[in-house]
């Protein structure tokens, strides 16, 4: 079952993002034809590029123009913060399975996200 992000309407989540200056949504996707790369989307293209570049530097390949799950609909939860533009990461199943086997690899991914956000905010 897949719930499109633009129709996601959990009140607690919508309340949480409506006052946020920065919204980053982490999604899981099936591997499909691209089992290696995290797909970067959302309307905040600068932040998406910044995060994606840092992930790639740490050995996590990304795709900046994914074929679907682009996160560009204005009602997508990642785009409902104060800037009306956020970031959506679509993490492939194979990478999520790798995280279950290797918590330190998952820790590297999370640390990279945190560092990217912190450096973006200056």
PDB file of N, CA and C in Angstrom:
ATOM      1  N   UNK A   1       0.831  -1.179   0.000  1.00  0.00           N
ATOM      2  CA  UNK A   1       0.000   0.000   0.000  1.00  0.00           C
ATOM      3  C   UNK A   1       0.881   1.251   0.000  1.00  0.00           C
ATOM      4  N   UNK A   2       0.519   2.198  -0.803  1.00  0.00           N
ATOM      5  CA  UNK A   2       1.271   3.452  -0.883  1.00  0.00           C
ATOM      6  C   UNK A   2       0.304   4.613  -0.721  1.00  0.00           C
ATOM      7  N   UNK A   3       0.631   5.498   0.190  1.00  0.00           N
ATOM      8  CA  UNK A   3      -0.153   6.719   0.370  1.00  0.00           C
ATOM      9  C   UNK A   3       0.635   7.862  -0.251  1.00  0.00           C
ATOM     10  N   UNK A   4       0.079   8.495  -1.237  1.00  0.00           N
ATOM     11  CA  UNK A   4       0.763   9.615  -1.884  1.00  0.00           C
ATOM     12  C   UNK A   4       0.958  10.743  -0.876  1.00  0.00           C
ATOM     13  N   UNK A   5       2.134  11.331  -0.874  1.00  0.00           N
ATOM     14  CA  UNK A   5       2.474  12.363   0.104  1.00  0.00           C
ATOM     15  C   UNK A   5       1.572  13.588   0.019  1.00  0.00           C
ATOM     16  N   UNK A   6       1.014  13.852  -1.147  1.00  0.00           N
ATOM     17  CA  UNK A   6       0.159  15.026  -1.273  1.00  0.00           C
ATOM     18  C   UNK A   6      -1.230  14.825  -0.664  1.00  0.00           C
ATOM     19  N   UNK A   7      -1.586  13.577  -0.336  1.00  0.00           N
ATOM     20  CA  UNK A   7      -2.870  13.328   0.329  1.00  0.00           C
ATOM     21  C   UNK A   7      -2.682  12.881   1.781  1.00  0.00           C
ATOM     22  N   UNK A   8      -1.450  12.837   2.232  1.00  0.00           N
ATOM     23  CA  UNK A   8      -1.167  12.472   3.613  1.00  0.00           C
ATOM     24  C   UNK A   8      -1.764  13.553   4.514  1.00  0.00           C
ATOM     25  N   UNK A   9      -2.642  13.146   5.434  1.00  0.00           N
ATOM     26  CA  UNK A   9      -3.393  14.161   6.181  1.00  0.00           C
ATOM     27  C   UNK A   9      -3.456  13.895   7.686  1.00  0.00           C
ATOM     28  N   UNK A  10      -2.455  13.278   8.246  1.00  0.00           N
ATOM     29  CA  UNK A  10      -2.436  13.038   9.687  1.00  0.00           C
ATOM     30  C   UNK A  10      -2.294  14.397  10.385  1.00  0.00           C
ATOM     31  N   UNK A  11      -3.280  14.786  11.189  1.00  0.00           N
ATOM     32  CA  UNK A  11      -3.268  16.132  11.780  1.00  0.00           C
ATOM     33  C   UNK A  11      -2.002  16.461  12.570  1.00  0.00           C
ATOM     34  N   UNK A  12      -1.493  15.518  13.333  1.00  0.00           N
ATOM     35  CA  UNK A  12      -0.282  15.787  14.116  1.00  0.00           C
ATOM     36  C   UNK A  12       0.907  16.116  13.223  1.00  0.00           C
ATOM     37  N   UNK A  13       1.031  15.414  12.121  1.00  0.00           N
ATOM     38  CA  UNK A  13       2.133  15.666  11.194  1.00  0.00           C
ATOM     39  C   UNK A  13       1.954  17.016  10.499  1.00  0.00           C
ATOM     40  N   UNK A  14       0.753  17.304  10.061  1.00  0.00           N
ATOM     41  CA  UNK A  14       0.498  18.581   9.390  1.00  0.00           C
ATOM     42  C   UNK A  14       0.728  19.756  10.336  1.00  0.00           C
ATOM     43  N   UNK A  15       0.333  19.603  11.586  1.00  0.00           N
ATOM     44  CA  UNK A  15       0.586  20.654  12.576  1.00  0.00           C
ATOM     45  C   UNK A  15       2.074  20.836  12.828  1.00  0.00           C
ATOM     46  N   UNK A  16       2.808  19.739  12.842  1.00  0.00           N
ATOM     47  CA  UNK A  16       4.249  19.807  13.105  1.00  0.00           C
ATOM     48  C   UNK A  16       4.989  20.544  11.996  1.00  0.00           C
ATOM     49  N   UNK A  17       4.595  20.328  10.751  1.00  0.00           N
ATOM     50  CA  UNK A  17       5.348  20.933   9.648  1.00  0.00           C
ATOM     51  C   UNK A  17       4.923  22.357   9.330  1.00  0.00           C
ATOM     52  N   UNK A  18       3.705  22.750   9.678  1.00  0.00           N
ATOM     53  CA  UNK A  18       3.222  24.061   9.219  1.00  0.00           C
ATOM     54  C   UNK A  18       4.009  25.232   9.790  1.00  0.00           C
ATOM     55  N   UNK A  19       4.703  25.047  10.914  1.00  0.00           N
ATOM     56  CA  UNK A  19       5.511  26.130  11.484  1.00  0.00           C
ATOM     57  C   UNK A  19       7.012  25.884  11.310  1.00  0.00           C
ATOM     58  N   UNK A  20       7.357  24.830  10.598  1.00  0.00           N
ATOM     59  CA  UNK A  20       8.770  24.483  10.407  1.00  0.00           C
ATOM     60  C   UNK A  20       9.353  25.231   9.217  1.00  0.00           C
ATOM     61  N   UNK A  21      10.527  25.805   9.410  1.00  0.00           N
ATOM     62  CA  UNK A  21      11.224  26.463   8.308  1.00  0.00           C
ATOM     63  C   UNK A  21      11.856  25.446   7.363  1.00  0.00           C
ATOM     64  N   UNK A  22      12.206  24.302   7.891  1.00  0.00           N
ATOM     65  CA  UNK A  22      12.900  23.268   7.130  1.00  0.00           C
ATOM     66  C   UNK A  22      12.146  21.954   7.311  1.00  0.00           C
ATOM     67  N   UNK A  23      11.729  21.345   6.203  1.00  0.00           N
ATOM     68  CA  UNK A  23      11.031  20.058   6.271  1.00  0.00           C
ATOM     69  C   UNK A  23      11.749  19.077   5.349  1.00  0.00           C
ATOM     70  N   UNK A  24      12.153  17.946   5.937  1.00  0.00           N
ATOM     71  CA  UNK A  24      12.792  16.880   5.181  1.00  0.00           C
ATOM     72  C   UNK A  24      12.023  15.599   5.458  1.00  0.00           C
ATOM     73  N   UNK A  25      11.496  15.000   4.407  1.00  0.00           N
ATOM     74  CA  UNK A  25      10.711  13.778   4.532  1.00  0.00           C
ATOM     75  C   UNK A  25      11.541  12.593   4.052  1.00  0.00           C
ATOM     76  N   UNK A  26      11.629  11.570   4.885  1.00  0.00           N
ATOM     77  CA  UNK A  26      12.330  10.338   4.526  1.00  0.00           C
ATOM     78  C   UNK A  26      11.292   9.282   4.176  1.00  0.00           C
ATOM     79  N   UNK A  27      11.390   8.753   2.980  1.00  0.00           N
ATOM     80  CA  UNK A  27      10.464   7.740   2.495  1.00  0.00           C
ATOM     81  C   UNK A  27      11.247   6.491   2.116  1.00  0.00           C
ATOM     82  N   UNK A  28      10.561   5.378   2.133  1.00  0.00           N
ATOM     83  CA  UNK A  28      11.129   4.140   1.620  1.00  0.00           C
ATOM     84  C   UNK A  28      10.461   3.804   0.304  1.00  0.00           C
ATOM     85  N   UNK A  29      11.236   3.255  -0.609  1.00  0.00           N
ATOM     86  CA  UNK A  29      10.688   2.828  -1.893  1.00  0.00           C
ATOM     87  C   UNK A  29      11.243   1.451  -2.237  1.00  0.00           C
ATOM     88  N   UNK A  30      10.539   0.766  -3.109  1.00  0.00           N
ATOM     89  CA  UNK A  30      11.043  -0.500  -3.638  1.00  0.00           C
ATOM     90  C   UNK A  30      12.255  -0.206  -4.509  1.00  0.00           C
ATOM     91  N   UNK A  31      13.119  -1.185  -4.638  1.00  0.00           N
ATOM     92  CA  UNK A  31      14.319  -0.989  -5.438  1.00  0.00           C
ATOM     93  C   UNK A  31      14.004  -0.726  -6.912  1.00  0.00           C
ATOM     94  N   UNK A  32      13.096  -1.500  -7.486  1.00  0.00           N
ATOM     95  CA  UNK A  32      12.792  -1.351  -8.909  1.00  0.00           C
ATOM     96  C   UNK A  32      14.047  -1.495  -9.742  1.00  0.00           C
ATOM     97  N   UNK A  33      14.218  -0.609 -10.708  1.00  0.00           N
ATOM     98  CA  UNK A  33      15.386  -0.634 -11.592  1.00  0.00           C
ATOM     99  C   UNK A  33      16.584   0.100 -11.003  1.00  0.00           C
ATOM    100  N   UNK A  34      16.446   0.628  -9.778  1.00  0.00           N
ATOM    101  CA  UNK A  34      17.508   1.441  -9.191  1.00  0.00           C
ATOM    102  C   UNK A  34      17.653   1.096  -7.709  1.00  0.00           C
ATOM    103  N   UNK A  35      18.384   0.030  -7.449  1.00  0.00           N
ATOM    104  CA  UNK A  35      18.541  -0.461  -6.081  1.00  0.00           C
ATOM    105  C   UNK A  35      19.625   0.265  -5.298  1.00  0.00           C
ATOM    106  N   UNK A  36      20.402   1.074  -5.944  1.00  0.00           N
ATOM    107  CA  UNK A  36      21.576   1.674  -5.300  1.00  0.00           C
ATOM    108  C   UNK A  36      21.371   3.101  -4.809  1.00  0.00           C
ATOM    109  N   UNK A  37      20.551   3.878  -5.537  1.00  0.00           N
ATOM    110  CA  UNK A  37      20.536   5.322  -5.273  1.00  0.00           C
ATOM    111  C   UNK A  37      19.320   5.772  -4.468  1.00  0.00           C
ATOM    112  N   UNK A  38      19.558   6.734  -3.585  1.00  0.00           N
ATOM    113  CA  UNK A  38      18.481   7.447  -2.900  1.00  0.00           C
ATOM    114  C   UNK A  38      18.021   8.546  -3.842  1.00  0.00           C
ATOM    115  N   UNK A  39      16.712   8.613  -4.053  1.00  0.00           N
ATOM    116  CA  UNK A  39      16.167   9.612  -4.957  1.00  0.00           C
ATOM    117  C   UNK A  39      15.899  10.892  -4.180  1.00  0.00           C
ATOM    118  N   UNK A  40      16.398  12.003  -4.705  1.00  0.00           N
ATOM    119  CA  UNK A  40      16.258  13.307  -4.065  1.00  0.00           C
ATOM    120  C   UNK A  40      15.146  14.087  -4.755  1.00  0.00           C
ATOM    121  N   UNK A  41      14.213  14.590  -3.961  1.00  0.00           N
ATOM    122  CA  UNK A  41      13.113  15.360  -4.515  1.00  0.00           C
ATOM    123  C   UNK A  41      12.718  16.498  -3.594  1.00  0.00           C
ATOM    124  N   UNK A  42      11.560  17.073  -3.884  1.00  0.00           N
ATOM    125  CA  UNK A  42      11.064  18.212  -3.122  1.00  0.00           C
ATOM    126  C   UNK A  42      11.271  19.504  -3.884  1.00  0.00           C
ATOM    127  N   UNK A  43      10.651  20.558  -3.395  1.00  0.00           N
ATOM    128  CA  UNK A  43      10.733  21.856  -4.069  1.00  0.00           C
ATOM    129  C   UNK A  43      11.928  22.694  -3.638  1.00  0.00           C
ATOM    130  N   UNK A  44      12.583  22.337  -2.546  1.00  0.00           N
ATOM    131  CA  UNK A  44      13.780  23.073  -2.116  1.00  0.00           C
ATOM    132  C   UNK A  44      14.990  22.444  -2.801  1.00  0.00           C
ATOM    133  N   UNK A  45      15.201  22.852  -4.026  1.00  0.00           N
ATOM    134  CA  UNK A  45      16.254  22.239  -4.841  1.00  0.00           C
ATOM    135  C   UNK A  45      17.658  22.518  -4.310  1.00  0.00           C
ATOM    136  N   UNK A  46      17.867  23.694  -3.726  1.00  0.00           N
ATOM    137  CA  UNK A  46      19.187  24.013  -3.170  1.00  0.00           C
ATOM    138  C   UNK A  46      19.533  23.080  -2.010  1.00  0.00           C
ATOM    139  N   UNK A  47      18.601  22.913  -1.087  1.00  0.00           N
ATOM    140  CA  UNK A  47      18.850  22.030   0.051  1.00  0.00           C
ATOM    141  C   UNK A  47      18.949  20.578  -0.408  1.00  0.00           C
ATOM    142  N   UNK A  48      18.109  20.185  -1.351  1.00  0.00           N
ATOM    143  CA  UNK A  48      18.166  18.824  -1.889  1.00  0.00           C
ATOM    144  C   UNK A  48      19.539  18.552  -2.497  1.00  0.00           C
ATOM    145  N   UNK A  49      20.039  19.486  -3.260  1.00  0.00           N
ATOM    146  CA  UNK A  49      21.370  19.335  -3.880  1.00  0.00           C
ATOM    147  C   UNK A  49      22.455  19.273  -2.813  1.00  0.00           C
ATOM    148  N   UNK A  50      22.353  20.124  -1.816  1.00  0.00           N
ATOM    149  CA  UNK A  50      23.340  20.151  -0.740  1.00  0.00           C
ATOM    150  C   UNK A  50      23.377  18.813   0.009  1.00  0.00           C
ATOM    151  N   UNK A  51      22.220  18.316   0.386  1.00  0.00           N
ATOM    152  CA  UNK A  51      22.150  17.025   1.084  1.00  0.00           C
ATOM    153  C   UNK A  51      22.640  15.910   0.170  1.00  0.00           C
ATOM    154  N   UNK A  52      22.162  15.897  -1.067  1.00  0.00           N
ATOM    155  CA  UNK A  52      22.564  14.849  -2.005  1.00  0.00           C
ATOM    156  C   UNK A  52      24.058  14.826  -2.266  1.00  0.00           C
ATOM    157  N   UNK A  53      24.651  15.997  -2.424  1.00  0.00           N
ATOM    158  CA  UNK A  53      26.103  16.061  -2.636  1.00  0.00           C
ATOM    159  C   UNK A  53      26.861  15.481  -1.444  1.00  0.00           C
ATOM    160  N   UNK A  54      26.418  15.816  -0.241  1.00  0.00           N
ATOM    161  CA  UNK A  54      27.102  15.298   0.954  1.00  0.00           C
ATOM    162  C   UNK A  54      26.912  13.786   1.082  1.00  0.00           C
ATOM    163  N   UNK A  55      25.722  13.295   0.763  1.00  0.00           N
ATOM    164  CA  UNK A  55      25.498  11.851   0.809  1.00  0.00           C
ATOM    165  C   UNK A  55      26.431  11.145  -0.172  1.00  0.00           C
ATOM    166  N   UNK A  56      26.549  11.684  -1.368  1.00  0.00           N
ATOM    167  CA  UNK A  56      27.429  11.068  -2.367  1.00  0.00           C
ATOM    168  C   UNK A  56      28.881  11.074  -1.903  1.00  0.00           C
ATOM    169  N   UNK A  57      29.307  12.165  -1.276  1.00  0.00           N
ATOM    170  CA  UNK A  57      30.682  12.231  -0.761  1.00  0.00           C
ATOM    171  C   UNK A  57      30.948  11.151   0.279  1.00  0.00           C
ATOM    172  N   UNK A  58      29.911  10.720   0.981  1.00  0.00           N
ATOM    173  CA  UNK A  58      30.048   9.699   2.032  1.00  0.00           C
ATOM    174  C   UNK A  58      29.742   8.287   1.529  1.00  0.00           C
ATOM    175  N   UNK A  59      29.594   8.145   0.222  1.00  0.00           N
ATOM    176  CA  UNK A  59      29.411   6.812  -0.344  1.00  0.00           C
ATOM    177  C   UNK A  59      27.973   6.362  -0.482  1.00  0.00           C
ATOM    178  N   UNK A  60      27.041   7.303  -0.465  1.00  0.00           N
ATOM    179  CA  UNK A  60      25.632   6.987  -0.664  1.00  0.00           C
ATOM    180  C   UNK A  60      25.179   7.629  -1.977  1.00  0.00           C
ATOM    181  N   UNK A  61      25.118   6.852  -3.060  1.00  0.00           N
ATOM    182  CA  UNK A  61      24.743   7.414  -4.361  1.00  0.00           C
ATOM    183  C   UNK A  61      23.325   7.987  -4.341  1.00  0.00           C
ATOM    184  N   UNK A  62      23.110   9.062  -5.075  1.00  0.00           N
ATOM    185  CA  UNK A  62      21.796   9.685  -5.166  1.00  0.00           C
ATOM    186  C   UNK A  62      21.435   9.932  -6.625  1.00  0.00           C
ATOM    187  N   UNK A  63      20.151  10.182  -6.840  1.00  0.00           N
ATOM    188  CA  UNK A  63      19.629  10.579  -8.147  1.00  0.00           C
ATOM    189  C   UNK A  63      18.818  11.849  -7.936  1.00  0.00           C
ATOM    190  N   UNK A  64      19.216  12.924  -8.602  1.00  0.00           N
ATOM    191  CA  UNK A  64      18.561  14.212  -8.410  1.00  0.00           C
ATOM    192  C   UNK A  64      17.308  14.408  -9.262  1.00  0.00           C
ATOM    193  N   UNK A  65      17.150  13.654 -10.296  1.00  0.00           N
ATOM    194  CA  UNK A  65      15.958  13.779 -11.141  1.00  0.00           C
ATOM    195  C   UNK A  65      15.282  12.417 -11.255  1.00  0.00           C
ATOM    196  N   UNK A  66      14.629  11.981 -10.175  1.00  0.00           N
ATOM    197  CA  UNK A  66      14.049  10.639 -10.198  1.00  0.00           C
ATOM    198  C   UNK A  66      12.875  10.526 -11.172  1.00  0.00           C
ATOM    199  N   UNK A  67      12.619   9.300 -11.650  1.00  0.00           N
ATOM    200  CA  UNK A  67      11.532   9.109 -12.609  1.00  0.00           C
ATOM    201  C   UNK A  67      10.147   9.248 -11.980  1.00  0.00           C
ATOM    202  N   UNK A  68      10.051   9.044 -10.674  1.00  0.00           N
ATOM    203  CA  UNK A  68       8.780   9.214  -9.956  1.00  0.00           C
ATOM    204  C   UNK A  68       9.100   9.529  -8.501  1.00  0.00           C
ATOM    205  N   UNK A  69       8.073   9.779  -7.715  1.00  0.00           N
ATOM    206  CA  UNK A  69       8.232  10.169  -6.302  1.00  0.00           C
ATOM    207  C   UNK A  69       9.118  11.415  -6.194  1.00  0.00           C
ATOM    208  N   UNK A  70       8.784  12.410  -6.976  1.00  0.00           N
ATOM    209  CA  UNK A  70       9.603  13.623  -7.075  1.00  0.00           C
ATOM    210  C   UNK A  70       9.395  14.599  -5.922  1.00  0.00           C
ATOM    211  N   UNK A  71       8.283  14.488  -5.201  1.00  0.00           N
ATOM    212  CA  UNK A  71       8.030  15.370  -4.069  1.00  0.00           C
ATOM    213  C   UNK A  71       7.797  16.820  -4.448  1.00  0.00           C
ATOM    214  N   UNK A  72       7.210  17.060  -5.620  1.00  0.00           N
ATOM    215  CA  UNK A  72       7.069  18.445  -6.083  1.00  0.00           C
ATOM    216  C   UNK A  72       5.642  18.987  -5.987  1.00  0.00           C
ATOM    217  N   UNK A  73       4.711  18.169  -5.598  1.00  0.00           N
ATOM    218  CA  UNK A  73       3.333  18.660  -5.452  1.00  0.00           C
ATOM    219  C   UNK A  73       3.285  19.627  -4.266  1.00  0.00           C
ATOM    220  N   UNK A  74       2.625  20.776  -4.405  1.00  0.00           N
ATOM    221  CA  UNK A  74       2.571  21.748  -3.307  1.00  0.00           C
ATOM    222  C   UNK A  74       1.957  21.182  -2.020  1.00  0.00           C
ATOM    223  N   UNK A  75       1.077  20.174  -2.142  1.00  0.00           N
ATOM    224  CA  UNK A  75       0.464  19.577  -0.950  1.00  0.00           C
ATOM    225  C   UNK A  75       1.282  18.449  -0.350  1.00  0.00           C
ATOM    226  N   UNK A  76       2.398  18.103  -0.977  1.00  0.00           N
ATOM    227  CA  UNK A  76       3.289  17.098  -0.402  1.00  0.00           C
ATOM    228  C   UNK A  76       3.715  17.592   0.982  1.00  0.00           C
ATOM    229  N   UNK A  77       3.732  16.696   1.947  1.00  0.00           N
ATOM    230  CA  UNK A  77       4.028  17.118   3.321  1.00  0.00           C
ATOM    231  C   UNK A  77       5.374  17.830   3.432  1.00  0.00           C
ATOM    232  N   UNK A  78       6.336  17.462   2.594  1.00  0.00           N
ATOM    233  CA  UNK A  78       7.648  18.116   2.682  1.00  0.00           C
ATOM    234  C   UNK A  78       7.587  19.568   2.208  1.00  0.00           C
ATOM    235  N   UNK A  79       6.559  19.933   1.467  1.00  0.00           N
ATOM    236  CA  UNK A  79       6.431  21.291   0.929  1.00  0.00           C
ATOM    237  C   UNK A  79       5.387  22.121   1.686  1.00  0.00           C
ATOM    238  N   UNK A  80       5.059  21.713   2.902  1.00  0.00           N
ATOM    239  CA  UNK A  80       4.001  22.411   3.638  1.00  0.00           C
ATOM    240  C   UNK A  80       4.524  23.181   4.841  1.00  0.00           C
ATOM    241  N   UNK A  81       5.830  23.400   4.890  1.00  0.00           N
ATOM    242  CA  UNK A  81       6.406  24.235   5.942  1.00  0.00           C
ATOM    243  C   UNK A  81       6.259  25.710   5.591  1.00  0.00           C
ATOM    244  N   UNK A  82       6.912  26.560   6.343  1.00  0.00           N
ATOM    245  CA  UNK A  82       6.772  28.007   6.137  1.00  0.00           C
ATOM    246  C   UNK A  82       7.309  28.469   4.782  1.00  0.00           C
ATOM    247  N   UNK A  83       8.330  27.772   4.253  1.00  0.00           N
ATOM    248  CA  UNK A  83       8.917  28.146   2.961  1.00  0.00           C
ATOM    249  C   UNK A  83       8.142  27.574   1.773  1.00  0.00           C
ATOM    250  N   UNK A  84       7.218  26.670   2.053  1.00  0.00           N
ATOM    251  CA  UNK A  84       6.451  25.986   0.997  1.00  0.00           C
ATOM    252  C   UNK A  84       7.357  25.222   0.044  1.00  0.00           C
ATOM    253  N   UNK A  85       8.503  24.810   0.563  1.00  0.00           N
ATOM    254  CA  UNK A  85       9.463  24.020  -0.211  1.00  0.00           C
ATOM    255  C   UNK A  85      10.292  23.202   0.761  1.00  0.00           C
ATOM    256  N   UNK A  86      10.361  21.917   0.522  1.00  0.00           N
ATOM    257  CA  UNK A  86      11.143  21.037   1.381  1.00  0.00           C
ATOM    258  C   UNK A  86      11.890  20.017   0.548  1.00  0.00           C
ATOM    259  N   UNK A  87      12.379  18.983   1.227  1.00  0.00           N
ATOM    260  CA  UNK A  87      13.172  17.939   0.588  1.00  0.00           C
ATOM    261  C   UNK A  87      12.534  16.582   0.880  1.00  0.00           C
ATOM    262  N   UNK A  88      12.523  15.724  -0.124  1.00  0.00           N
ATOM    263  CA  UNK A  88      12.039  14.360   0.030  1.00  0.00           C
ATOM    264  C   UNK A  88      13.132  13.399  -0.412  1.00  0.00           C
ATOM    265  N   UNK A  89      13.476  12.463   0.456  1.00  0.00           N
ATOM    266  CA  UNK A  89      14.426  11.409   0.122  1.00  0.00           C
ATOM    267  C   UNK A  89      13.663  10.104   0.007  1.00  0.00           C
ATOM    268  N   UNK A  90      13.840   9.408  -1.097  1.00  0.00           N
ATOM    269  CA  UNK A  90      13.253   8.086  -1.315  1.00  0.00           C
ATOM    270  C   UNK A  90      14.388   7.066  -1.201  1.00  0.00           C
ATOM    271  N   UNK A  91      14.424   6.360  -0.087  1.00  0.00           N
ATOM    272  CA  UNK A  91      15.521   5.443   0.218  1.00  0.00           C
ATOM    273  C   UNK A  91      15.155   4.039  -0.266  1.00  0.00           C
ATOM    274  N   UNK A  92      16.003   3.428  -1.105  1.00  0.00           N
ATOM    275  CA  UNK A  92      15.668   2.112  -1.645  1.00  0.00           C
ATOM    276  C   UNK A  92      15.678   1.023  -0.569  1.00  0.00           C
ATOM    277  N   UNK A  93      14.864   0.012  -0.797  1.00  0.00           N
ATOM    278  CA  UNK A  93      14.745  -1.101   0.137  1.00  0.00           C
ATOM    279  C   UNK A  93      16.097  -1.745   0.424  1.00  0.00           C
ATOM    280  N   UNK A  94      16.921  -1.923  -0.589  1.00  0.00           N
ATOM    281  CA  UNK A  94      18.215  -2.580  -0.373  1.00  0.00           C
ATOM    282  C   UNK A  94      19.084  -1.791   0.601  1.00  0.00           C
ATOM    283  N   UNK A  95      19.032  -0.469   0.552  1.00  0.00           N
ATOM    284  CA  UNK A  95      19.809   0.340   1.477  1.00  0.00           C
ATOM    285  C   UNK A  95      19.220   0.243   2.886  1.00  0.00           C
ATOM    286  N   UNK A  96      17.902   0.239   2.998  1.00  0.00           N
ATOM    287  CA  UNK A  96      17.280   0.091   4.320  1.00  0.00           C
ATOM    288  C   UNK A  96      17.599  -1.270   4.922  1.00  0.00           C
ATOM    289  N   UNK A  97      17.648  -2.300   4.097  1.00  0.00           N
ATOM    290  CA  UNK A  97      18.046  -3.625   4.586  1.00  0.00           C
ATOM    291  C   UNK A  97      19.501  -3.622   5.028  1.00  0.00           C
ATOM    292  N   UNK A  98      20.345  -2.918   4.294  1.00  0.00           N
ATOM    293  CA  UNK A  98      21.751  -2.778   4.683  1.00  0.00           C
ATOM    294  C   UNK A  98      21.856  -2.094   6.054  1.00  0.00           C
ATOM    295  N   UNK A  99      21.035  -1.107   6.285  1.00  0.00           N
ATOM    296  CA  UNK A  99      21.033  -0.420   7.580  1.00  0.00           C
ATOM    297  C   UNK A  99      20.677  -1.388   8.716  1.00  0.00           C
ATOM    298  N   UNK A 100      19.753  -2.307   8.467  1.00  0.00           N
ATOM    299  CA  UNK A 100      19.382  -3.287   9.507  1.00  0.00           C
ATOM    300  C   UNK A 100      20.548  -4.212   9.831  1.00  0.00           C
ATOM    301  N   UNK A 101      21.323  -4.555   8.813  1.00  0.00           N
ATOM    302  CA  UNK A 101      22.484  -5.429   9.019  1.00  0.00           C
ATOM    303  C   UNK A 101      23.681  -4.675   9.592  1.00  0.00           C
ATOM    304  N   UNK A 102      23.758  -3.385   9.313  1.00  0.00           N
ATOM    305  CA  UNK A 102      24.925  -2.606   9.685  1.00  0.00           C
ATOM    306  C   UNK A 102      24.504  -1.275  10.315  1.00  0.00           C
ATOM    307  N   UNK A 103      24.244  -1.284  11.627  1.00  0.00           N
ATOM    308  CA  UNK A 103      23.826  -0.039  12.291  1.00  0.00           C
ATOM    309  C   UNK A 103      24.846   1.088  12.143  1.00  0.00           C
ATOM    310  N   UNK A 104      26.130   0.747  12.019  1.00  0.00           N
ATOM    311  CA  UNK A 104      27.123   1.814  11.859  1.00  0.00           C
ATOM    312  C   UNK A 104      26.974   2.493  10.496  1.00  0.00           C
ATOM    313  N   UNK A 105      26.572   1.745   9.480  1.00  0.00           N
ATOM    314  CA  UNK A 105      26.332   2.349   8.158  1.00  0.00           C
ATOM    315  C   UNK A 105      25.115   3.281   8.223  1.00  0.00           C
ATOM    316  N   UNK A 106      24.087   2.836   8.924  1.00  0.00           N
ATOM    317  CA  UNK A 106      22.919   3.690   9.128  1.00  0.00           C
ATOM    318  C   UNK A 106      23.320   4.951   9.895  1.00  0.00           C
ATOM    319  N   UNK A 107      24.162   4.777  10.899  1.00  0.00           N
ATOM    320  CA  UNK A 107      24.649   5.922  11.668  1.00  0.00           C
ATOM    321  C   UNK A 107      25.399   6.913  10.806  1.00  0.00           C
ATOM    322  N   UNK A 108      26.164   6.415   9.848  1.00  0.00           N
ATOM    323  CA  UNK A 108      26.889   7.289   8.927  1.00  0.00           C
ATOM    324  C   UNK A 108      25.906   8.089   8.073  1.00  0.00           C
ATOM    325  N   UNK A 109      24.854   7.431   7.604  1.00  0.00           N
ATOM    326  CA  UNK A 109      23.832   8.093   6.794  1.00  0.00           C
ATOM    327  C   UNK A 109      23.149   9.197   7.605  1.00  0.00           C
ATOM    328  N   UNK A 110      22.738   8.868   8.816  1.00  0.00           N
ATOM    329  CA  UNK A 110      22.050   9.839   9.678  1.00  0.00           C
ATOM    330  C   UNK A 110      22.978  11.002  10.028  1.00  0.00           C
ATOM    331  N   UNK A 111      24.226  10.697  10.379  1.00  0.00           N
ATOM    332  CA  UNK A 111      25.190  11.755  10.705  1.00  0.00           C
ATOM    333  C   UNK A 111      25.404  12.673   9.506  1.00  0.00           C
ATOM    334  N   UNK A 112      25.432  12.109   8.324  1.00  0.00           N
ATOM    335  CA  UNK A 112      25.606  12.907   7.110  1.00  0.00           C
ATOM    336  C   UNK A 112      24.414  13.843   6.914  1.00  0.00           C
ATOM    337  N   UNK A 113      23.202  13.335   7.118  1.00  0.00           N
ATOM    338  CA  UNK A 113      22.014  14.186   7.007  1.00  0.00           C
ATOM    339  C   UNK A 113      22.082  15.329   8.007  1.00  0.00           C
ATOM    340  N   UNK A 114      22.424  15.011   9.241  1.00  0.00           N
ATOM    341  CA  UNK A 114      22.507  16.055  10.269  1.00  0.00           C
ATOM    342  C   UNK A 114      23.566  17.094   9.931  1.00  0.00           C
ATOM    343  N   UNK A 115      24.713  16.620   9.472  1.00  0.00           N
ATOM    344  CA  UNK A 115      25.790  17.544   9.105  1.00  0.00           C
ATOM    345  C   UNK A 115      25.380  18.420   7.918  1.00  0.00           C
ATOM    346  N   UNK A 116      24.704  17.829   6.951  1.00  0.00           N
ATOM    347  CA  UNK A 116      24.267  18.598   5.782  1.00  0.00           C
ATOM    348  C   UNK A 116      23.285  19.694   6.192  1.00  0.00           C
ATOM    349  N   UNK A 117      22.356  19.358   7.066  1.00  0.00           N
ATOM    350  CA  UNK A 117      21.377  20.340   7.535  1.00  0.00           C
ATOM    351  C   UNK A 117      22.084  21.455   8.298  1.00  0.00           C
ATOM    352  N   UNK A 118      22.971  21.077   9.210  1.00  0.00           N
ATOM    353  CA  UNK A 118      23.683  22.064  10.025  1.00  0.00           C
ATOM    354  C   UNK A 118      24.528  22.995   9.162  1.00  0.00           C
ATOM    355  N   UNK A 119      25.231  22.440   8.187  1.00  0.00           N
ATOM    356  CA  UNK A 119      26.082  23.285   7.342  1.00  0.00           C
ATOM    357  C   UNK A 119      25.246  24.160   6.422  1.00  0.00           C
ATOM    358  N   UNK A 120      24.099  23.676   6.001  1.00  0.00           N
ATOM    359  CA  UNK A 120      23.201  24.475   5.161  1.00  0.00           C
ATOM    360  C   UNK A 120      22.674  25.677   5.933  1.00  0.00           C
ATOM    361  N   UNK A 121      22.348  25.452   7.189  1.00  0.00           N
ATOM    362  CA  UNK A 121      21.809  26.527   8.021  1.00  0.00           C
ATOM    363  C   UNK A 121      22.883  27.512   8.474  1.00  0.00           C
ATOM    364  N   UNK A 122      24.132  27.083   8.335  1.00  0.00           N
ATOM    365  CA  UNK A 122      25.247  27.966   8.629  1.00  0.00           C
ATOM    366  C   UNK A 122      25.552  28.049  10.065  1.00  0.00           C
TER     367      UNK A 122
END
